[in-house]
Amino acid sequence: MDAQQAGEQIEREMLILTRHREMASPRRLGGSEALDRSAYVLLSRIEVQGPMSVADFVDAFGLAASTFNRQTTALLKEGLVERTLDPDGGVARKFRITRKGRERLKADRDRIVNGLSEVIAGWAPERLDNFVADLQQFNEDIERLTGRPWPR
């Protein structure tokens, strides 16, 4: 199989995986307090990176500032983040995850991890190690090409 053929198969499997992910989201599974996808992603990023400004989000994700203004406004309204001074002394305000935000993120992540654990429960340890390593390498290669690494 060449790279083109592999790319076609990977695209198809990623499409199917994304669909499975959407169908098994905490919100779809009846979690009335479940986060929407954008809130989950932003809170996850703040959790690993620390307080972030709108400009930081733009750099990290490559989307328009207006997108993050809307998303952070919604997060603020729900009490999932709070504005804080830049710990590095910059002028821009940064968004920091609140206790409520951490609790909601953890609850959603626990539901997702439990569901994934069910799927891979019968896999041999070596297969799990290889799958995780390959998936991480795949993501790191995308990050290298886009110039937008995700902190781990």
C-alpha atoms as a PDB file:
ATOM      1  CA  MET A   1       0.000   0.000   0.000  1.00  0.00           C
ATOM      2  CA  ASP A   2       1.357   3.439  -0.868  1.00  0.00           C
ATOM      3  CA  ALA A   3       0.894   6.702   1.064  1.00  0.00           C
ATOM      4  CA  GLN A   4      -2.057   7.772  -1.124  1.00  0.00           C
ATOM      5  CA  GLN A   5      -3.933   4.502  -0.543  1.00  0.00           C
ATOM      6  CA  ALA A   6      -3.130   4.603   3.165  1.00  0.00           C
ATOM      7  CA  GLY A   7      -4.310   8.220   3.310  1.00  0.00           C
ATOM      8  CA  GLU A   8      -7.638   7.217   1.760  1.00  0.00           C
ATOM      9  CA  GLN A   9      -8.134   4.429   4.292  1.00  0.00           C
ATOM     10  CA  ILE A  10      -7.055   6.628   7.213  1.00  0.00           C
ATOM     11  CA  GLU A  11      -9.480   9.349   6.068  1.00  0.00           C
ATOM     12  CA  ARG A  12     -12.343   6.868   6.020  1.00  0.00           C
ATOM     13  CA  GLU A  13     -11.490   5.421   9.424  1.00  0.00           C
ATOM     14  CA  MET A  14     -11.104   8.910  10.922  1.00  0.00           C
ATOM     15  CA  LEU A  15     -14.521   9.857   9.527  1.00  0.00           C
ATOM     16  CA  ILE A  16     -16.030   6.772  11.160  1.00  0.00           C
ATOM     17  CA  LEU A  17     -14.111   7.395  14.400  1.00  0.00           C
ATOM     18  CA  THR A  18     -15.346  10.990  14.518  1.00  0.00           C
ATOM     19  CA  ARG A  19     -18.897   9.770  14.034  1.00  0.00           C
ATOM     20  CA  HIS A  20     -18.503   7.228  16.834  1.00  0.00           C
ATOM     21  CA  ARG A  21     -17.054   9.973  19.047  1.00  0.00           C
ATOM     22  CA  GLU A  22     -20.034  12.234  18.359  1.00  0.00           C
ATOM     23  CA  MET A  23     -22.525   9.445  19.074  1.00  0.00           C
ATOM     24  CA  ALA A  24     -20.808   8.573  22.358  1.00  0.00           C
ATOM     25  CA  SER A  25     -20.315  12.121  23.606  1.00  0.00           C
ATOM     26  CA  PRO A  26     -21.339  12.763  27.219  1.00  0.00           C
ATOM     27  CA  ARG A  27     -23.970  15.260  26.010  1.00  0.00           C
ATOM     28  CA  ARG A  28     -25.551  12.739  23.621  1.00  0.00           C
ATOM     29  CA  LEU A  29     -25.493  10.035  26.305  1.00  0.00           C
ATOM     30  CA  GLY A  30     -27.860  12.055  28.444  1.00  0.00           C
ATOM     31  CA  GLY A  31     -25.446  14.113  30.496  1.00  0.00           C
ATOM     32  CA  SER A  32     -27.482  17.288  30.822  1.00  0.00           C
ATOM     33  CA  GLU A  33     -24.489  18.982  32.410  1.00  0.00           C
ATOM     34  CA  ALA A  34     -22.126  17.708  29.726  1.00  0.00           C
ATOM     35  CA  LEU A  35     -19.895  20.209  27.982  1.00  0.00           C
ATOM     36  CA  ASP A  36     -20.241  20.945  24.311  1.00  0.00           C
ATOM     37  CA  ARG A  37     -17.295  19.973  22.132  1.00  0.00           C
ATOM     38  CA  SER A  38     -15.697  23.445  21.961  1.00  0.00           C
ATOM     39  CA  ALA A  39     -15.903  23.904  25.738  1.00  0.00           C
ATOM     40  CA  TYR A  40     -14.324  20.485  26.261  1.00  0.00           C
ATOM     41  CA  VAL A  41     -11.452  21.312  23.897  1.00  0.00           C
ATOM     42  CA  LEU A  42     -10.768  24.781  25.334  1.00  0.00           C
ATOM     43  CA  LEU A  43     -10.957  23.637  28.951  1.00  0.00           C
ATOM     44  CA  SER A  44      -8.661  20.701  28.149  1.00  0.00           C
ATOM     45  CA  ARG A  45      -6.135  23.075  26.583  1.00  0.00           C
ATOM     46  CA  ILE A  46      -6.244  25.508  29.513  1.00  0.00           C
ATOM     47  CA  GLU A  47      -5.860  22.570  31.877  1.00  0.00           C
ATOM     48  CA  VAL A  48      -2.553  21.483  30.333  1.00  0.00           C
ATOM     49  CA  GLN A  49      -1.191  24.873  29.284  1.00  0.00           C
ATOM     50  CA  GLY A  50      -2.409  27.151  32.055  1.00  0.00           C
ATOM     51  CA  PRO A  51      -4.181  30.502  31.672  1.00  0.00           C
ATOM     52  CA  MET A  52      -4.634  31.587  28.044  1.00  0.00           C
ATOM     53  CA  SER A  53      -5.687  34.797  26.314  1.00  0.00           C
ATOM     54  CA  VAL A  54      -7.788  35.008  23.169  1.00  0.00           C
ATOM     55  CA  ALA A  55      -4.547  35.636  21.242  1.00  0.00           C
ATOM     56  CA  ASP A  56      -3.101  32.438  22.775  1.00  0.00           C
ATOM     57  CA  PHE A  57      -6.142  30.499  21.543  1.00  0.00           C
ATOM     58  CA  VAL A  58      -5.755  31.987  18.060  1.00  0.00           C
ATOM     59  CA  ASP A  59      -2.095  30.901  17.997  1.00  0.00           C
ATOM     60  CA  ALA A  60      -2.894  27.446  19.357  1.00  0.00           C
ATOM     61  CA  PHE A  61      -5.826  26.635  17.075  1.00  0.00           C
ATOM     62  CA  GLY A  62      -5.449  28.926  14.067  1.00  0.00           C
ATOM     63  CA  LEU A  63      -9.037  30.154  14.178  1.00  0.00           C
ATOM     64  CA  ALA A  64     -10.394  33.709  14.220  1.00  0.00           C
ATOM     65  CA  ALA A  65     -10.380  35.702  17.451  1.00  0.00           C
ATOM     66  CA  SER A  66     -14.156  36.180  17.110  1.00  0.00           C
ATOM     67  CA  THR A  67     -14.583  32.417  17.493  1.00  0.00           C
ATOM     68  CA  PHE A  68     -12.769  32.457  20.821  1.00  0.00           C
ATOM     69  CA  ASN A  69     -14.504  35.614  21.991  1.00  0.00           C
ATOM     70  CA  ARG A  70     -17.846  33.800  21.582  1.00  0.00           C
ATOM     71  CA  GLN A  71     -16.579  30.598  23.184  1.00  0.00           C
ATOM     72  CA  THR A  72     -14.907  32.269  26.166  1.00  0.00           C
ATOM     73  CA  THR A  73     -17.989  34.428  26.732  1.00  0.00           C
ATOM     74  CA  ALA A  74     -20.072  31.252  26.976  1.00  0.00           C
ATOM     75  CA  LEU A  75     -17.513  29.657  29.330  1.00  0.00           C
ATOM     76  CA  LEU A  76     -17.504  32.774  31.527  1.00  0.00           C
ATOM     77  CA  LYS A  77     -21.319  32.836  31.612  1.00  0.00           C
ATOM     78  CA  GLU A  78     -21.384  29.210  32.803  1.00  0.00           C
ATOM     79  CA  GLY A  79     -18.697  29.877  35.426  1.00  0.00           C
ATOM     80  CA  LEU A  80     -16.284  27.393  33.830  1.00  0.00           C
ATOM     81  CA  VAL A  81     -13.485  29.957  33.417  1.00  0.00           C
ATOM     82  CA  GLU A  82     -12.637  33.271  34.996  1.00  0.00           C
ATOM     83  CA  ARG A  83     -10.629  36.221  33.746  1.00  0.00           C
ATOM     84  CA  THR A  84      -7.314  36.771  35.416  1.00  0.00           C
ATOM     85  CA  LEU A  85      -4.309  39.000  35.028  1.00  0.00           C
ATOM     86  CA  ASP A  86      -1.518  37.612  32.888  1.00  0.00           C
ATOM     87  CA  PRO A  87       0.819  35.813  35.324  1.00  0.00           C
ATOM     88  CA  ASP A  88       3.726  36.853  33.044  1.00  0.00           C
ATOM     89  CA  GLY A  89       2.830  40.530  33.356  1.00  0.00           C
ATOM     90  CA  GLY A  90       1.305  40.981  29.891  1.00  0.00           C
ATOM     91  CA  VAL A  91      -1.499  43.423  29.230  1.00  0.00           C
ATOM     92  CA  ALA A  92      -4.120  40.958  27.973  1.00  0.00           C
ATOM     93  CA  ARG A  93      -6.421  39.226  30.400  1.00  0.00           C
ATOM     94  CA  LYS A  94      -6.191  35.471  30.436  1.00  0.00           C
ATOM     95  CA  PHE A  95      -8.785  32.814  31.066  1.00  0.00           C
ATOM     96  CA  ARG A  96      -8.234  30.384  33.894  1.00  0.00           C
ATOM     97  CA  ILE A  97     -10.292  27.271  34.505  1.00  0.00           C
ATOM     98  CA  THR A  98     -12.467  27.432  37.626  1.00  0.00           C
ATOM     99  CA  ARG A  99     -13.160  24.669  40.101  1.00  0.00           C
ATOM    100  CA  LYS A 100     -16.546  24.156  38.460  1.00  0.00           C
ATOM    101  CA  GLY A 101     -14.833  23.981  35.066  1.00  0.00           C
ATOM    102  CA  ARG A 102     -12.373  21.360  36.327  1.00  0.00           C
ATOM    103  CA  GLU A 103     -15.175  19.291  37.825  1.00  0.00           C
ATOM    104  CA  ARG A 104     -17.257  19.365  34.644  1.00  0.00           C
ATOM    105  CA  LEU A 105     -14.216  18.568  32.496  1.00  0.00           C
ATOM    106  CA  LYS A 106     -13.281  15.669  34.754  1.00  0.00           C
ATOM    107  CA  ALA A 107     -16.824  14.277  34.707  1.00  0.00           C
ATOM    108  CA  ASP A 108     -16.933  14.347  30.901  1.00  0.00           C
ATOM    109  CA  ARG A 109     -13.426  12.946  30.570  1.00  0.00           C
ATOM    110  CA  ASP A 110     -14.275  10.111  32.968  1.00  0.00           C
ATOM    111  CA  ARG A 111     -17.309   9.187  30.830  1.00  0.00           C
ATOM    112  CA  ILE A 112     -15.189   9.234  27.662  1.00  0.00           C
ATOM    113  CA  VAL A 113     -12.316   7.267  29.208  1.00  0.00           C
ATOM    114  CA  ASN A 114     -14.714   4.672  30.608  1.00  0.00           C
ATOM    115  CA  GLY A 115     -16.293   4.223  27.178  1.00  0.00           C
ATOM    116  CA  LEU A 116     -12.913   3.893  25.478  1.00  0.00           C
ATOM    117  CA  SER A 117     -11.774   1.451  28.153  1.00  0.00           C
ATOM    118  CA  GLU A 118     -14.769  -0.753  27.343  1.00  0.00           C
ATOM    119  CA  VAL A 119     -13.818  -0.788  23.659  1.00  0.00           C
ATOM    120  CA  ILE A 120     -10.198  -1.817  24.283  1.00  0.00           C
ATOM    121  CA  ALA A 121     -10.763  -4.031  27.341  1.00  0.00           C
ATOM    122  CA  GLY A 122      -9.838  -7.221  25.494  1.00  0.00           C
ATOM    123  CA  TRP A 123      -6.746  -5.881  23.763  1.00  0.00           C
ATOM    124  CA  ALA A 124      -3.354  -7.317  24.658  1.00  0.00           C
ATOM    125  CA  PRO A 125      -1.015  -4.911  26.501  1.00  0.00           C
ATOM    126  CA  GLU A 126       1.415  -4.853  23.566  1.00  0.00           C
ATOM    127  CA  ARG A 127      -1.378  -3.921  21.156  1.00  0.00           C
ATOM    128  CA  LEU A 128      -2.482  -1.124  23.495  1.00  0.00           C
ATOM    129  CA  ASP A 129       1.093   0.186  23.778  1.00  0.00           C
ATOM    130  CA  ASN A 130       1.522   0.143  19.989  1.00  0.00           C
ATOM    131  CA  PHE A 131      -1.841   1.779  19.315  1.00  0.00           C
ATOM    132  CA  VAL A 132      -1.188   4.598  21.802  1.00  0.00           C
ATOM    133  CA  ALA A 133       2.344   5.155  20.450  1.00  0.00           C
ATOM    134  CA  ASP A 134       1.138   5.200  16.827  1.00  0.00           C
ATOM    135  CA  LEU A 135      -1.752   7.553  17.599  1.00  0.00           C
ATOM    136  CA  GLN A 136       0.550   9.913  19.489  1.00  0.00           C
ATOM    137  CA  GLN A 137       3.086   9.845  16.637  1.00  0.00           C
ATOM    138  CA  PHE A 138       0.309  10.540  14.110  1.00  0.00           C
ATOM    139  CA  ASN A 139      -0.840  13.579  16.124  1.00  0.00           C
ATOM    140  CA  GLU A 140       2.712  14.825  16.655  1.00  0.00           C
ATOM    141  CA  ASP A 141       3.389  14.626  12.915  1.00  0.00           C
ATOM    142  CA  ILE A 142       0.255  16.675  12.222  1.00  0.00           C
ATOM    143  CA  GLU A 143       1.350  19.180  14.875  1.00  0.00           C
ATOM    144  CA  ARG A 144       4.821  19.402  13.317  1.00  0.00           C
ATOM    145  CA  LEU A 145       3.344  20.119   9.873  1.00  0.00           C
ATOM    146  CA  THR A 146       0.837  22.687  11.161  1.00  0.00           C
ATOM    147  CA  GLY A 147       3.205  24.290  13.657  1.00  0.00           C
ATOM    148  CA  ARG A 148       0.588  23.947  16.393  1.00  0.00           C
ATOM    149  CA  PRO A 149       1.741  21.461  19.029  1.00  0.00           C
ATOM    150  CA  TRP A 150      -0.567  20.307  21.777  1.00  0.00           C
ATOM    151  CA  PRO A 151       1.133  20.340  25.172  1.00  0.00           C
ATOM    152  CA  ARG A 152       1.326  16.900  26.765  1.00  0.00           C
END
